[in-house]
């Protein structure tokens, strides 16, 4: 079986991302927090290492949200009935996103809180 050209593979990937952006409320919430972190990152002049940490966490949370959407879609495709394993699959995928989001928020506090406090102390 012949594989699709590379540019088509990228097209499918971008189509998946944009479908999630249109359909999923939670990914929009994550993107709002991403934008806020980017704004405050520039405003508080975080270091290159701190930017790398933030970028890795953005990628982790957004990727998990997309995978969560894919798992939910597959489960919904397979069954419309309430089945314990279907519920477990959906709940576990959502739990993975939540875990990553909480860890990202804690890392964000570790990075931004001291810089925010220092900024306020020098400007108030």
PDB file of N, CA and C in Angstrom:
ATOM      1  N   UNK A   1       0.843  -1.188   0.000  1.00  0.00           N
ATOM      2  CA  UNK A   1       0.000   0.000   0.000  1.00  0.00           C
ATOM      3  C   UNK A   1       0.883   1.244   0.000  1.00  0.00           C
ATOM      4  N   UNK A   2       0.617   2.133  -0.919  1.00  0.00           N
ATOM      5  CA  UNK A   2       1.421   3.344  -1.049  1.00  0.00           C
ATOM      6  C   UNK A   2       0.966   4.408  -0.053  1.00  0.00           C
ATOM      7  N   UNK A   3       1.932   5.037   0.585  1.00  0.00           N
ATOM      8  CA  UNK A   3       1.623   6.102   1.549  1.00  0.00           C
ATOM      9  C   UNK A   3       1.316   7.399   0.806  1.00  0.00           C
ATOM     10  N   UNK A   4       0.505   8.224   1.461  1.00  0.00           N
ATOM     11  CA  UNK A   4       0.194   9.550   0.916  1.00  0.00           C
ATOM     12  C   UNK A   4       1.447  10.411   0.948  1.00  0.00           C
ATOM     13  N   UNK A   5       1.550  11.369   0.029  1.00  0.00           N
ATOM     14  CA  UNK A   5       2.702  12.275   0.064  1.00  0.00           C
ATOM     15  C   UNK A   5       2.775  13.000   1.405  1.00  0.00           C
ATOM     16  N   UNK A   6       3.981  13.392   1.755  1.00  0.00           N
ATOM     17  CA  UNK A   6       4.216  14.037   3.046  1.00  0.00           C
ATOM     18  C   UNK A   6       3.344  15.273   3.238  1.00  0.00           C
ATOM     19  N   UNK A   7       3.199  16.076   2.199  1.00  0.00           N
ATOM     20  CA  UNK A   7       2.397  17.289   2.344  1.00  0.00           C
ATOM     21  C   UNK A   7       0.946  16.953   2.678  1.00  0.00           C
ATOM     22  N   UNK A   8       0.428  15.825   2.176  1.00  0.00           N
ATOM     23  CA  UNK A   8      -0.941  15.427   2.520  1.00  0.00           C
ATOM     24  C   UNK A   8      -1.024  14.989   3.975  1.00  0.00           C
ATOM     25  N   UNK A   9       0.013  14.340   4.477  1.00  0.00           N
ATOM     26  CA  UNK A   9       0.035  13.939   5.887  1.00  0.00           C
ATOM     27  C   UNK A   9      -0.026  15.161   6.792  1.00  0.00           C
ATOM     28  N   UNK A  10       0.741  16.187   6.428  1.00  0.00           N
ATOM     29  CA  UNK A  10       0.673  17.434   7.202  1.00  0.00           C
ATOM     30  C   UNK A  10      -0.714  18.054   7.095  1.00  0.00           C
ATOM     31  N   UNK A  11      -1.310  17.986   5.915  1.00  0.00           N
ATOM     32  CA  UNK A  11      -2.657  18.517   5.716  1.00  0.00           C
ATOM     33  C   UNK A  11      -3.672  17.824   6.607  1.00  0.00           C
ATOM     34  N   UNK A  12      -3.577  16.486   6.712  1.00  0.00           N
ATOM     35  CA  UNK A  12      -4.485  15.741   7.587  1.00  0.00           C
ATOM     36  C   UNK A  12      -4.277  16.139   9.049  1.00  0.00           C
ATOM     37  N   UNK A  13      -3.019  16.306   9.433  1.00  0.00           N
ATOM     38  CA  UNK A  13      -2.714  16.687  10.821  1.00  0.00           C
ATOM     39  C   UNK A  13      -3.283  18.071  11.137  1.00  0.00           C
ATOM     40  N   UNK A  14      -3.076  19.023  10.225  1.00  0.00           N
ATOM     41  CA  UNK A  14      -3.621  20.365  10.453  1.00  0.00           C
ATOM     42  C   UNK A  14      -5.146  20.347  10.450  1.00  0.00           C
ATOM     43  N   UNK A  15      -5.754  19.521   9.595  1.00  0.00           N
ATOM     44  CA  UNK A  15      -7.217  19.401   9.579  1.00  0.00           C
ATOM     45  C   UNK A  15      -7.720  18.898  10.939  1.00  0.00           C
ATOM     46  N   UNK A  16      -6.994  17.953  11.532  1.00  0.00           N
ATOM     47  CA  UNK A  16      -7.366  17.447  12.852  1.00  0.00           C
ATOM     48  C   UNK A  16      -7.256  18.510  13.920  1.00  0.00           C
ATOM     49  N   UNK A  17      -6.183  19.273  13.870  1.00  0.00           N
ATOM     50  CA  UNK A  17      -6.001  20.355  14.848  1.00  0.00           C
ATOM     51  C   UNK A  17      -7.121  21.382  14.709  1.00  0.00           C
ATOM     52  N   UNK A  18      -7.401  21.813  13.478  1.00  0.00           N
ATOM     53  CA  UNK A  18      -8.427  22.836  13.274  1.00  0.00           C
ATOM     54  C   UNK A  18      -9.822  22.323  13.618  1.00  0.00           C
ATOM     55  N   UNK A  19     -10.077  21.035  13.382  1.00  0.00           N
ATOM     56  CA  UNK A  19     -11.373  20.455  13.772  1.00  0.00           C
ATOM     57  C   UNK A  19     -11.537  20.511  15.287  1.00  0.00           C
ATOM     58  N   UNK A  20     -10.471  20.207  16.012  1.00  0.00           N
ATOM     59  CA  UNK A  20     -10.524  20.288  17.482  1.00  0.00           C
ATOM     60  C   UNK A  20     -10.723  21.723  17.941  1.00  0.00           C
ATOM     61  N   UNK A  21     -10.059  22.657  17.277  1.00  0.00           N
ATOM     62  CA  UNK A  21     -10.212  24.068  17.649  1.00  0.00           C
ATOM     63  C   UNK A  21     -11.651  24.534  17.447  1.00  0.00           C
ATOM     64  N   UNK A  22     -12.294  24.048  16.394  1.00  0.00           N
ATOM     65  CA  UNK A  22     -13.683  24.427  16.134  1.00  0.00           C
ATOM     66  C   UNK A  22     -14.646  23.770  17.110  1.00  0.00           C
ATOM     67  N   UNK A  23     -14.404  22.491  17.415  1.00  0.00           N
ATOM     68  CA  UNK A  23     -15.379  21.671  18.126  1.00  0.00           C
ATOM     69  C   UNK A  23     -15.230  21.706  19.643  1.00  0.00           C
ATOM     70  N   UNK A  24     -14.025  21.795  20.131  1.00  0.00           N
ATOM     71  CA  UNK A  24     -13.768  21.571  21.556  1.00  0.00           C
ATOM     72  C   UNK A  24     -13.609  22.854  22.347  1.00  0.00           C
ATOM     73  N   UNK A  25     -14.470  23.029  23.335  1.00  0.00           N
ATOM     74  CA  UNK A  25     -14.403  24.200  24.212  1.00  0.00           C
ATOM     75  C   UNK A  25     -13.118  24.209  25.038  1.00  0.00           C
ATOM     76  N   UNK A  26     -12.728  23.033  25.558  1.00  0.00           N
ATOM     77  CA  UNK A  26     -11.574  22.985  26.463  1.00  0.00           C
ATOM     78  C   UNK A  26     -10.273  23.386  25.787  1.00  0.00           C
ATOM     79  N   UNK A  27     -10.109  23.052  24.517  1.00  0.00           N
ATOM     80  CA  UNK A  27      -8.866  23.446  23.846  1.00  0.00           C
ATOM     81  C   UNK A  27      -8.813  24.973  23.701  1.00  0.00           C
ATOM     82  N   UNK A  28      -9.971  25.596  23.555  1.00  0.00           N
ATOM     83  CA  UNK A  28     -10.008  27.064  23.494  1.00  0.00           C
ATOM     84  C   UNK A  28      -9.593  27.668  24.848  1.00  0.00           C
ATOM     85  N   UNK A  29     -10.026  27.025  25.918  1.00  0.00           N
ATOM     86  CA  UNK A  29      -9.627  27.480  27.260  1.00  0.00           C
ATOM     87  C   UNK A  29      -8.115  27.338  27.420  1.00  0.00           C
ATOM     88  N   UNK A  30      -7.565  26.187  27.005  1.00  0.00           N
ATOM     89  CA  UNK A  30      -6.113  25.982  27.093  1.00  0.00           C
ATOM     90  C   UNK A  30      -5.363  27.018  26.263  1.00  0.00           C
ATOM     91  N   UNK A  31      -5.898  27.357  25.095  1.00  0.00           N
ATOM     92  CA  UNK A  31      -5.238  28.360  24.251  1.00  0.00           C
ATOM     93  C   UNK A  31      -5.297  29.750  24.873  1.00  0.00           C
ATOM     94  N   UNK A  32      -6.356  30.059  25.591  1.00  0.00           N
ATOM     95  CA  UNK A  32      -6.421  31.351  26.305  1.00  0.00           C
ATOM     96  C   UNK A  32      -5.346  31.422  27.383  1.00  0.00           C
ATOM     97  N   UNK A  33      -5.173  30.325  28.125  1.00  0.00           N
ATOM     98  CA  UNK A  33      -4.113  30.301  29.135  1.00  0.00           C
ATOM     99  C   UNK A  33      -2.733  30.346  28.478  1.00  0.00           C
ATOM    100  N   UNK A  34      -2.596  29.682  27.339  1.00  0.00           N
ATOM    101  CA  UNK A  34      -1.327  29.732  26.597  1.00  0.00           C
ATOM    102  C   UNK A  34      -1.005  31.169  26.210  1.00  0.00           C
ATOM    103  N   UNK A  35      -1.998  31.881  25.695  1.00  0.00           N
ATOM    104  CA  UNK A  35      -1.791  33.284  25.306  1.00  0.00           C
ATOM    105  C   UNK A  35      -1.424  34.138  26.517  1.00  0.00           C
ATOM    106  N   UNK A  36      -2.072  33.892  27.648  1.00  0.00           N
ATOM    107  CA  UNK A  36      -1.759  34.656  28.866  1.00  0.00           C
ATOM    108  C   UNK A  36      -0.324  34.391  29.314  1.00  0.00           C
ATOM    109  N   UNK A  37       0.095  33.126  29.266  1.00  0.00           N
ATOM    110  CA  UNK A  37       1.468  32.781  29.660  1.00  0.00           C
ATOM    111  C   UNK A  37       2.468  33.445  28.720  1.00  0.00           C
ATOM    112  N   UNK A  38       2.171  33.437  27.425  1.00  0.00           N
ATOM    113  CA  UNK A  38       3.069  34.090  26.459  1.00  0.00           C
ATOM    114  C   UNK A  38       3.160  35.585  26.758  1.00  0.00           C
ATOM    115  N   UNK A  39       2.026  36.221  27.001  1.00  0.00           N
ATOM    116  CA  UNK A  39       2.033  37.649  27.323  1.00  0.00           C
ATOM    117  C   UNK A  39       2.884  37.926  28.557  1.00  0.00           C
ATOM    118  N   UNK A  40       2.595  37.212  29.642  1.00  0.00           N
ATOM    119  CA  UNK A  40       3.339  37.451  30.881  1.00  0.00           C
ATOM    120  C   UNK A  40       4.794  37.015  30.765  1.00  0.00           C
ATOM    121  N   UNK A  41       5.069  36.022  29.924  1.00  0.00           N
ATOM    122  CA  UNK A  41       6.452  35.612  29.693  1.00  0.00           C
ATOM    123  C   UNK A  41       7.271  36.734  29.091  1.00  0.00           C
ATOM    124  N   UNK A  42       6.695  37.433  28.104  1.00  0.00           N
ATOM    125  CA  UNK A  42       7.388  38.588  27.524  1.00  0.00           C
ATOM    126  C   UNK A  42       7.442  39.748  28.521  1.00  0.00           C
ATOM    127  N   UNK A  43       6.326  39.978  29.194  1.00  0.00           N
ATOM    128  CA  UNK A  43       6.244  41.094  30.136  1.00  0.00           C
ATOM    129  C   UNK A  43       7.241  40.934  31.275  1.00  0.00           C
ATOM    130  N   UNK A  44       7.357  39.719  31.813  1.00  0.00           N
ATOM    131  CA  UNK A  44       8.248  39.480  32.956  1.00  0.00           C
ATOM    132  C   UNK A  44       9.634  38.986  32.540  1.00  0.00           C
ATOM    133  N   UNK A  45       9.858  38.895  31.244  1.00  0.00           N
ATOM    134  CA  UNK A  45      11.167  38.529  30.684  1.00  0.00           C
ATOM    135  C   UNK A  45      11.702  37.209  31.258  1.00  0.00           C
ATOM    136  N   UNK A  46      10.933  36.142  31.052  1.00  0.00           N
ATOM    137  CA  UNK A  46      11.398  34.842  31.532  1.00  0.00           C
ATOM    138  C   UNK A  46      12.596  34.395  30.695  1.00  0.00           C
ATOM    139  N   UNK A  47      13.399  33.515  31.253  1.00  0.00           N
ATOM    140  CA  UNK A  47      14.631  33.065  30.612  1.00  0.00           C
ATOM    141  C   UNK A  47      14.336  32.086  29.473  1.00  0.00           C
ATOM    142  N   UNK A  48      15.364  31.800  28.689  1.00  0.00           N
ATOM    143  CA  UNK A  48      15.227  30.840  27.587  1.00  0.00           C
ATOM    144  C   UNK A  48      14.828  29.458  28.107  1.00  0.00           C
ATOM    145  N   UNK A  49      15.401  29.045  29.208  1.00  0.00           N
ATOM    146  CA  UNK A  49      15.053  27.734  29.790  1.00  0.00           C
ATOM    147  C   UNK A  49      13.598  27.738  30.241  1.00  0.00           C
ATOM    148  N   UNK A  50      13.160  28.832  30.841  1.00  0.00           N
ATOM    149  CA  UNK A  50      11.760  28.931  31.275  1.00  0.00           C
ATOM    150  C   UNK A  50      10.811  28.921  30.074  1.00  0.00           C
ATOM    151  N   UNK A  51      11.218  29.579  28.966  1.00  0.00           N
ATOM    152  CA  UNK A  51      10.418  29.524  27.735  1.00  0.00           C
ATOM    153  C   UNK A  51      10.324  28.086  27.231  1.00  0.00           C
ATOM    154  N   UNK A  52      11.436  27.378  27.257  1.00  0.00           N
ATOM    155  CA  UNK A  52      11.423  25.986  26.791  1.00  0.00           C
ATOM    156  C   UNK A  52      10.491  25.126  27.641  1.00  0.00           C
ATOM    157  N   UNK A  53      10.509  25.342  28.937  1.00  0.00           N
ATOM    158  CA  UNK A  53       9.596  24.612  29.830  1.00  0.00           C
ATOM    159  C   UNK A  53       8.155  24.948  29.483  1.00  0.00           C
ATOM    160  N   UNK A  54       7.859  26.219  29.313  1.00  0.00           N
ATOM    161  CA  UNK A  54       6.493  26.634  28.964  1.00  0.00           C
ATOM    162  C   UNK A  54       6.068  26.037  27.622  1.00  0.00           C
ATOM    163  N   UNK A  55       6.944  26.083  26.631  1.00  0.00           N
ATOM    164  CA  UNK A  55       6.605  25.532  25.316  1.00  0.00           C
ATOM    165  C   UNK A  55       6.352  24.026  25.385  1.00  0.00           C
ATOM    166  N   UNK A  56       7.168  23.317  26.142  1.00  0.00           N
ATOM    167  CA  UNK A  56       6.964  21.872  26.295  1.00  0.00           C
ATOM    168  C   UNK A  56       5.621  21.589  26.967  1.00  0.00           C
ATOM    169  N   UNK A  57       5.293  22.382  27.963  1.00  0.00           N
ATOM    170  CA  UNK A  57       4.017  22.188  28.651  1.00  0.00           C
ATOM    171  C   UNK A  57       2.829  22.578  27.775  1.00  0.00           C
ATOM    172  N   UNK A  58       2.971  23.633  26.967  1.00  0.00           N
ATOM    173  CA  UNK A  58       1.911  23.974  26.004  1.00  0.00           C
ATOM    174  C   UNK A  58       1.662  22.778  25.089  1.00  0.00           C
ATOM    175  N   UNK A  59       2.750  22.258  24.537  1.00  0.00           N
ATOM    176  CA  UNK A  59       2.642  21.131  23.611  1.00  0.00           C
ATOM    177  C   UNK A  59       2.022  19.911  24.262  1.00  0.00           C
ATOM    178  N   UNK A  60       2.421  19.635  25.492  1.00  0.00           N
ATOM    179  CA  UNK A  60       1.889  18.476  26.211  1.00  0.00           C
ATOM    180  C   UNK A  60       0.389  18.606  26.432  1.00  0.00           C
ATOM    181  N   UNK A  61      -0.041  19.720  26.976  1.00  0.00           N
ATOM    182  CA  UNK A  61      -1.463  19.889  27.306  1.00  0.00           C
ATOM    183  C   UNK A  61      -2.306  19.916  26.028  1.00  0.00           C
ATOM    184  N   UNK A  62      -1.889  20.679  25.034  1.00  0.00           N
ATOM    185  CA  UNK A  62      -2.672  20.770  23.800  1.00  0.00           C
ATOM    186  C   UNK A  62      -2.712  19.429  23.070  1.00  0.00           C
ATOM    187  N   UNK A  63      -1.588  18.716  23.045  1.00  0.00           N
ATOM    188  CA  UNK A  63      -1.565  17.403  22.403  1.00  0.00           C
ATOM    189  C   UNK A  63      -2.471  16.418  23.120  1.00  0.00           C
ATOM    190  N   UNK A  64      -2.424  16.419  24.435  1.00  0.00           N
ATOM    191  CA  UNK A  64      -3.305  15.525  25.185  1.00  0.00           C
ATOM    192  C   UNK A  64      -4.772  15.874  24.967  1.00  0.00           C
ATOM    193  N   UNK A  65      -5.079  17.147  24.848  1.00  0.00           N
ATOM    194  CA  UNK A  65      -6.464  17.550  24.575  1.00  0.00           C
ATOM    195  C   UNK A  65      -6.917  17.025  23.215  1.00  0.00           C
ATOM    196  N   UNK A  66      -6.033  17.070  22.228  1.00  0.00           N
ATOM    197  CA  UNK A  66      -6.366  16.548  20.896  1.00  0.00           C
ATOM    198  C   UNK A  66      -6.536  15.029  20.950  1.00  0.00           C
ATOM    199  N   UNK A  67      -5.657  14.333  21.660  1.00  0.00           N
ATOM    200  CA  UNK A  67      -5.787  12.880  21.809  1.00  0.00           C
ATOM    201  C   UNK A  67      -7.078  12.542  22.567  1.00  0.00           C
ATOM    202  N   UNK A  68      -7.408  13.316  23.586  1.00  0.00           N
ATOM    203  CA  UNK A  68      -8.647  13.112  24.321  1.00  0.00           C
ATOM    204  C   UNK A  68      -9.847  13.219  23.375  1.00  0.00           C
ATOM    205  N   UNK A  69      -9.831  14.211  22.513  1.00  0.00           N
ATOM    206  CA  UNK A  69     -10.912  14.384  21.541  1.00  0.00           C
ATOM    207  C   UNK A  69     -10.984  13.180  20.605  1.00  0.00           C
ATOM    208  N   UNK A  70      -9.836  12.691  20.173  1.00  0.00           N
ATOM    209  CA  UNK A  70      -9.810  11.525  19.288  1.00  0.00           C
ATOM    210  C   UNK A  70     -10.381  10.291  19.984  1.00  0.00           C
ATOM    211  N   UNK A  71     -10.003  10.081  21.224  1.00  0.00           N
ATOM    212  CA  UNK A  71     -10.511   8.921  21.978  1.00  0.00           C
ATOM    213  C   UNK A  71     -12.015   9.036  22.162  1.00  0.00           C
ATOM    214  N   UNK A  72     -12.498  10.215  22.510  1.00  0.00           N
ATOM    215  CA  UNK A  72     -13.939  10.403  22.668  1.00  0.00           C
ATOM    216  C   UNK A  72     -14.674  10.129  21.359  1.00  0.00           C
ATOM    217  N   UNK A  73     -14.108  10.585  20.241  1.00  0.00           N
ATOM    218  CA  UNK A  73     -14.744  10.367  18.943  1.00  0.00           C
ATOM    219  C   UNK A  73     -14.800   8.879  18.595  1.00  0.00           C
ATOM    220  N   UNK A  74     -13.723   8.164  18.844  1.00  0.00           N
ATOM    221  CA  UNK A  74     -13.695   6.730  18.548  1.00  0.00           C
ATOM    222  C   UNK A  74     -14.680   5.971  19.430  1.00  0.00           C
ATOM    223  N   UNK A  75     -14.721   6.298  20.701  1.00  0.00           N
ATOM    224  CA  UNK A  75     -15.664   5.637  21.610  1.00  0.00           C
ATOM    225  C   UNK A  75     -17.099   5.914  21.164  1.00  0.00           C
ATOM    226  N   UNK A  76     -17.396   7.154  20.802  1.00  0.00           N
ATOM    227  CA  UNK A  76     -18.740   7.496  20.346  1.00  0.00           C
ATOM    228  C   UNK A  76     -19.075   6.801  19.022  1.00  0.00           C
ATOM    229  N   UNK A  77     -18.075   6.592  18.190  1.00  0.00           N
ATOM    230  CA  UNK A  77     -18.272   5.895  16.914  1.00  0.00           C
ATOM    231  C   UNK A  77     -18.605   4.424  17.137  1.00  0.00           C
ATOM    232  N   UNK A  78     -17.959   3.827  18.112  1.00  0.00           N
ATOM    233  CA  UNK A  78     -18.110   2.394  18.369  1.00  0.00           C
ATOM    234  C   UNK A  78     -19.427   2.074  19.068  1.00  0.00           C
ATOM    235  N   UNK A  79     -19.844   2.914  20.001  1.00  0.00           N
ATOM    236  CA  UNK A  79     -21.049   2.600  20.772  1.00  0.00           C
ATOM    237  C   UNK A  79     -21.775   3.858  21.201  1.00  0.00           C
ATOM    238  N   UNK A  80     -23.081   3.779  21.182  1.00  0.00           N
ATOM    239  CA  UNK A  80     -23.896   4.858  21.741  1.00  0.00           C
ATOM    240  C   UNK A  80     -24.431   4.459  23.107  1.00  0.00           C
ATOM    241  N   UNK A  81     -24.261   3.198  23.453  1.00  0.00           N
ATOM    242  CA  UNK A  81     -24.724   2.702  24.747  1.00  0.00           C
ATOM    243  C   UNK A  81     -23.788   3.153  25.856  1.00  0.00           C
ATOM    244  N   UNK A  82     -24.349   3.184  27.067  1.00  0.00           N
ATOM    245  CA  UNK A  82     -23.510   3.447  28.238  1.00  0.00           C
ATOM    246  C   UNK A  82     -22.813   2.142  28.604  1.00  0.00           C
ATOM    247  N   UNK A  83     -21.525   2.089  28.352  1.00  0.00           N
ATOM    248  CA  UNK A  83     -20.743   0.906  28.697  1.00  0.00           C
ATOM    249  C   UNK A  83     -19.618   1.326  29.629  1.00  0.00           C
ATOM    250  N   UNK A  84     -19.362   0.518  30.670  1.00  0.00           N
ATOM    251  CA  UNK A  84     -18.317   0.896  31.636  1.00  0.00           C
ATOM    252  C   UNK A  84     -16.946   1.112  30.992  1.00  0.00           C
ATOM    253  N   UNK A  85     -16.541   0.283  30.054  1.00  0.00           N
ATOM    254  CA  UNK A  85     -15.222   0.450  29.441  1.00  0.00           C
ATOM    255  C   UNK A  85     -15.164   1.694  28.556  1.00  0.00           C
ATOM    256  N   UNK A  86     -16.285   2.009  27.907  1.00  0.00           N
ATOM    257  CA  UNK A  86     -16.320   3.237  27.103  1.00  0.00           C
ATOM    258  C   UNK A  86     -16.180   4.456  28.017  1.00  0.00           C
ATOM    259  N   UNK A  87     -16.880   4.420  29.137  1.00  0.00           N
ATOM    260  CA  UNK A  87     -16.771   5.511  30.102  1.00  0.00           C
ATOM    261  C   UNK A  87     -15.373   5.618  30.673  1.00  0.00           C
ATOM    262  N   UNK A  88     -14.770   4.466  30.963  1.00  0.00           N
ATOM    263  CA  UNK A  88     -13.403   4.470  31.492  1.00  0.00           C
ATOM    264  C   UNK A  88     -12.435   5.084  30.488  1.00  0.00           C
ATOM    265  N   UNK A  89     -12.565   4.729  29.213  1.00  0.00           N
ATOM    266  CA  UNK A  89     -11.673   5.277  28.188  1.00  0.00           C
ATOM    267  C   UNK A  89     -11.790   6.796  28.117  1.00  0.00           C
ATOM    268  N   UNK A  90     -13.029   7.279  28.108  1.00  0.00           N
ATOM    269  CA  UNK A  90     -13.238   8.730  28.040  1.00  0.00           C
ATOM    270  C   UNK A  90     -12.737   9.427  29.302  1.00  0.00           C
ATOM    271  N   UNK A  91     -13.055   8.855  30.459  1.00  0.00           N
ATOM    272  CA  UNK A  91     -12.646   9.469  31.727  1.00  0.00           C
ATOM    273  C   UNK A  91     -11.131   9.463  31.898  1.00  0.00           C
ATOM    274  N   UNK A  92     -10.486   8.361  31.499  1.00  0.00           N
ATOM    275  CA  UNK A  92      -9.028   8.272  31.626  1.00  0.00           C
ATOM    276  C   UNK A  92      -8.344   9.292  30.718  1.00  0.00           C
ATOM    277  N   UNK A  93      -8.849   9.454  29.495  1.00  0.00           N
ATOM    278  CA  UNK A  93      -8.266  10.442  28.578  1.00  0.00           C
ATOM    279  C   UNK A  93      -8.442  11.855  29.130  1.00  0.00           C
ATOM    280  N   UNK A  94      -9.620  12.137  29.665  1.00  0.00           N
ATOM    281  CA  UNK A  94      -9.855  13.456  30.262  1.00  0.00           C
ATOM    282  C   UNK A  94      -8.972  13.647  31.492  1.00  0.00           C
ATOM    283  N   UNK A  95      -8.776  12.579  32.260  1.00  0.00           N
ATOM    284  CA  UNK A  95      -7.902  12.652  33.436  1.00  0.00           C
ATOM    285  C   UNK A  95      -6.462  12.946  33.066  1.00  0.00           C
ATOM    286  N   UNK A  96      -6.016  12.414  31.931  1.00  0.00           N
ATOM    287  CA  UNK A  96      -4.650  12.695  31.476  1.00  0.00           C
ATOM    288  C   UNK A  96      -4.478  14.175  31.172  1.00  0.00           C
ATOM    289  N   UNK A  97      -5.477  14.764  30.523  1.00  0.00           N
ATOM    290  CA  UNK A  97      -5.422  16.202  30.224  1.00  0.00           C
ATOM    291  C   UNK A  97      -5.410  17.011  31.518  1.00  0.00           C
ATOM    292  N   UNK A  98      -6.287  16.646  32.436  1.00  0.00           N
ATOM    293  CA  UNK A  98      -6.368  17.368  33.698  1.00  0.00           C
ATOM    294  C   UNK A  98      -5.057  17.285  34.480  1.00  0.00           C
ATOM    295  N   UNK A  99      -4.469  16.101  34.518  1.00  0.00           N
ATOM    296  CA  UNK A  99      -3.188  15.927  35.218  1.00  0.00           C
ATOM    297  C   UNK A  99      -2.113  16.834  34.621  1.00  0.00           C
ATOM    298  N   UNK A 100      -2.018  16.841  33.300  1.00  0.00           N
ATOM    299  CA  UNK A 100      -1.025  17.688  32.632  1.00  0.00           C
ATOM    300  C   UNK A 100      -1.309  19.170  32.872  1.00  0.00           C
ATOM    301  N   UNK A 101      -2.582  19.543  32.854  1.00  0.00           N
ATOM    302  CA  UNK A 101      -2.939  20.952  33.067  1.00  0.00           C
ATOM    303  C   UNK A 101      -2.596  21.392  34.489  1.00  0.00           C
ATOM    304  N   UNK A 102      -2.867  20.538  35.469  1.00  0.00           N
ATOM    305  CA  UNK A 102      -2.539  20.882  36.863  1.00  0.00           C
ATOM    306  C   UNK A 102      -1.029  21.008  37.039  1.00  0.00           C
ATOM    307  N   UNK A 103      -0.287  20.052  36.511  1.00  0.00           N
ATOM    308  CA  UNK A 103       1.180  20.123  36.613  1.00  0.00           C
ATOM    309  C   UNK A 103       1.721  21.356  35.902  1.00  0.00           C
ATOM    310  N   UNK A 104       1.129  21.702  34.769  1.00  0.00           N
ATOM    311  CA  UNK A 104       1.547  22.904  34.043  1.00  0.00           C
ATOM    312  C   UNK A 104       1.263  24.158  34.851  1.00  0.00           C
ATOM    313  N   UNK A 105       0.113  24.193  35.501  1.00  0.00           N
ATOM    314  CA  UNK A 105      -0.228  25.352  36.328  1.00  0.00           C
ATOM    315  C   UNK A 105       0.739  25.496  37.493  1.00  0.00           C
ATOM    316  N   UNK A 106       1.106  24.385  38.110  1.00  0.00           N
ATOM    317  CA  UNK A 106       2.060  24.433  39.228  1.00  0.00           C
ATOM    318  C   UNK A 106       3.423  24.915  38.724  1.00  0.00           C
ATOM    319  N   UNK A 107       3.860  24.368  37.581  1.00  0.00           N
ATOM    320  CA  UNK A 107       5.136  24.822  37.008  1.00  0.00           C
ATOM    321  C   UNK A 107       5.068  26.310  36.674  1.00  0.00           C
ATOM    322  N   UNK A 108       3.920  26.757  36.156  1.00  0.00           N
ATOM    323  CA  UNK A 108       3.746  28.172  35.859  1.00  0.00           C
ATOM    324  C   UNK A 108       3.856  29.038  37.103  1.00  0.00           C
ATOM    325  N   UNK A 109       3.266  28.578  38.188  1.00  0.00           N
ATOM    326  CA  UNK A 109       3.377  29.328  39.447  1.00  0.00           C
ATOM    327  C   UNK A 109       4.828  29.396  39.917  1.00  0.00           C
ATOM    328  N   UNK A 110       5.551  28.284  39.781  1.00  0.00           N
ATOM    329  CA  UNK A 110       6.959  28.261  40.193  1.00  0.00           C
ATOM    330  C   UNK A 110       7.774  29.252  39.362  1.00  0.00           C
ATOM    331  N   UNK A 111       7.464  29.346  38.066  1.00  0.00           N
ATOM    332  CA  UNK A 111       8.210  30.251  37.184  1.00  0.00           C
ATOM    333  C   UNK A 111       7.776  31.704  37.383  1.00  0.00           C
ATOM    334  N   UNK A 112       6.464  31.934  37.404  1.00  0.00           N
ATOM    335  CA  UNK A 112       5.956  33.299  37.331  1.00  0.00           C
ATOM    336  C   UNK A 112       5.739  33.993  38.673  1.00  0.00           C
ATOM    337  N   UNK A 113       5.412  33.263  39.704  1.00  0.00           N
ATOM    338  CA  UNK A 113       5.109  33.900  40.989  1.00  0.00           C
ATOM    339  C   UNK A 113       6.276  34.728  41.535  1.00  0.00           C
ATOM    340  N   UNK A 114       7.489  34.173  41.603  1.00  0.00           N
ATOM    341  CA  UNK A 114       8.597  35.003  42.110  1.00  0.00           C
ATOM    342  C   UNK A 114       8.852  36.235  41.238  1.00  0.00           C
ATOM    343  N   UNK A 115       8.730  36.075  39.917  1.00  0.00           N
ATOM    344  CA  UNK A 115       8.958  37.218  39.025  1.00  0.00           C
ATOM    345  C   UNK A 115       7.852  38.263  39.183  1.00  0.00           C
ATOM    346  N   UNK A 116       6.624  37.808  39.348  1.00  0.00           N
ATOM    347  CA  UNK A 116       5.510  38.730  39.566  1.00  0.00           C
ATOM    348  C   UNK A 116       5.630  39.477  40.879  1.00  0.00           C
ATOM    349  N   UNK A 117       6.019  38.779  41.920  1.00  0.00           N
ATOM    350  CA  UNK A 117       6.204  39.413  43.231  1.00  0.00           C
ATOM    351  C   UNK A 117       7.331  40.452  43.155  1.00  0.00           C
ATOM    352  N   UNK A 118       8.447  40.079  42.517  1.00  0.00           N
ATOM    353  CA  UNK A 118       9.568  41.016  42.377  1.00  0.00           C
ATOM    354  C   UNK A 118       9.158  42.250  41.581  1.00  0.00           C
ATOM    355  N   UNK A 119       8.380  42.046  40.514  1.00  0.00           N
ATOM    356  CA  UNK A 119       7.906  43.164  39.715  1.00  0.00           C
ATOM    357  C   UNK A 119       7.039  44.097  40.550  1.00  0.00           C
ATOM    358  N   UNK A 120       6.119  43.534  41.310  1.00  0.00           N
ATOM    359  CA  UNK A 120       5.230  44.352  42.135  1.00  0.00           C
ATOM    360  C   UNK A 120       6.009  45.106  43.221  1.00  0.00           C
ATOM    361  N   UNK A 121       7.009  44.456  43.805  1.00  0.00           N
ATOM    362  CA  UNK A 121       7.803  45.117  44.843  1.00  0.00           C
ATOM    363  C   UNK A 121       8.592  46.290  44.307  1.00  0.00           C
ATOM    364  N   UNK A 122       9.044  46.199  43.077  1.00  0.00           N
ATOM    365  CA  UNK A 122       9.838  47.298  42.506  1.00  0.00           C
ATOM    366  C   UNK A 122       8.982  48.409  41.903  1.00  0.00           C
ATOM    367  N   UNK A 123       7.721  48.098  41.611  1.00  0.00           N
ATOM    368  CA  UNK A 123       6.875  49.085  40.940  1.00  0.00           C
ATOM    369  C   UNK A 123       5.718  49.602  41.803  1.00  0.00           C
ATOM    370  N   UNK A 124       5.668  49.217  43.040  1.00  0.00           N
ATOM    371  CA  UNK A 124       4.595  49.745  43.909  1.00  0.00           C
ATOM    372  C   UNK A 124       5.152  50.618  45.011  1.00  0.00           C
TER     373      UNK A 124
END
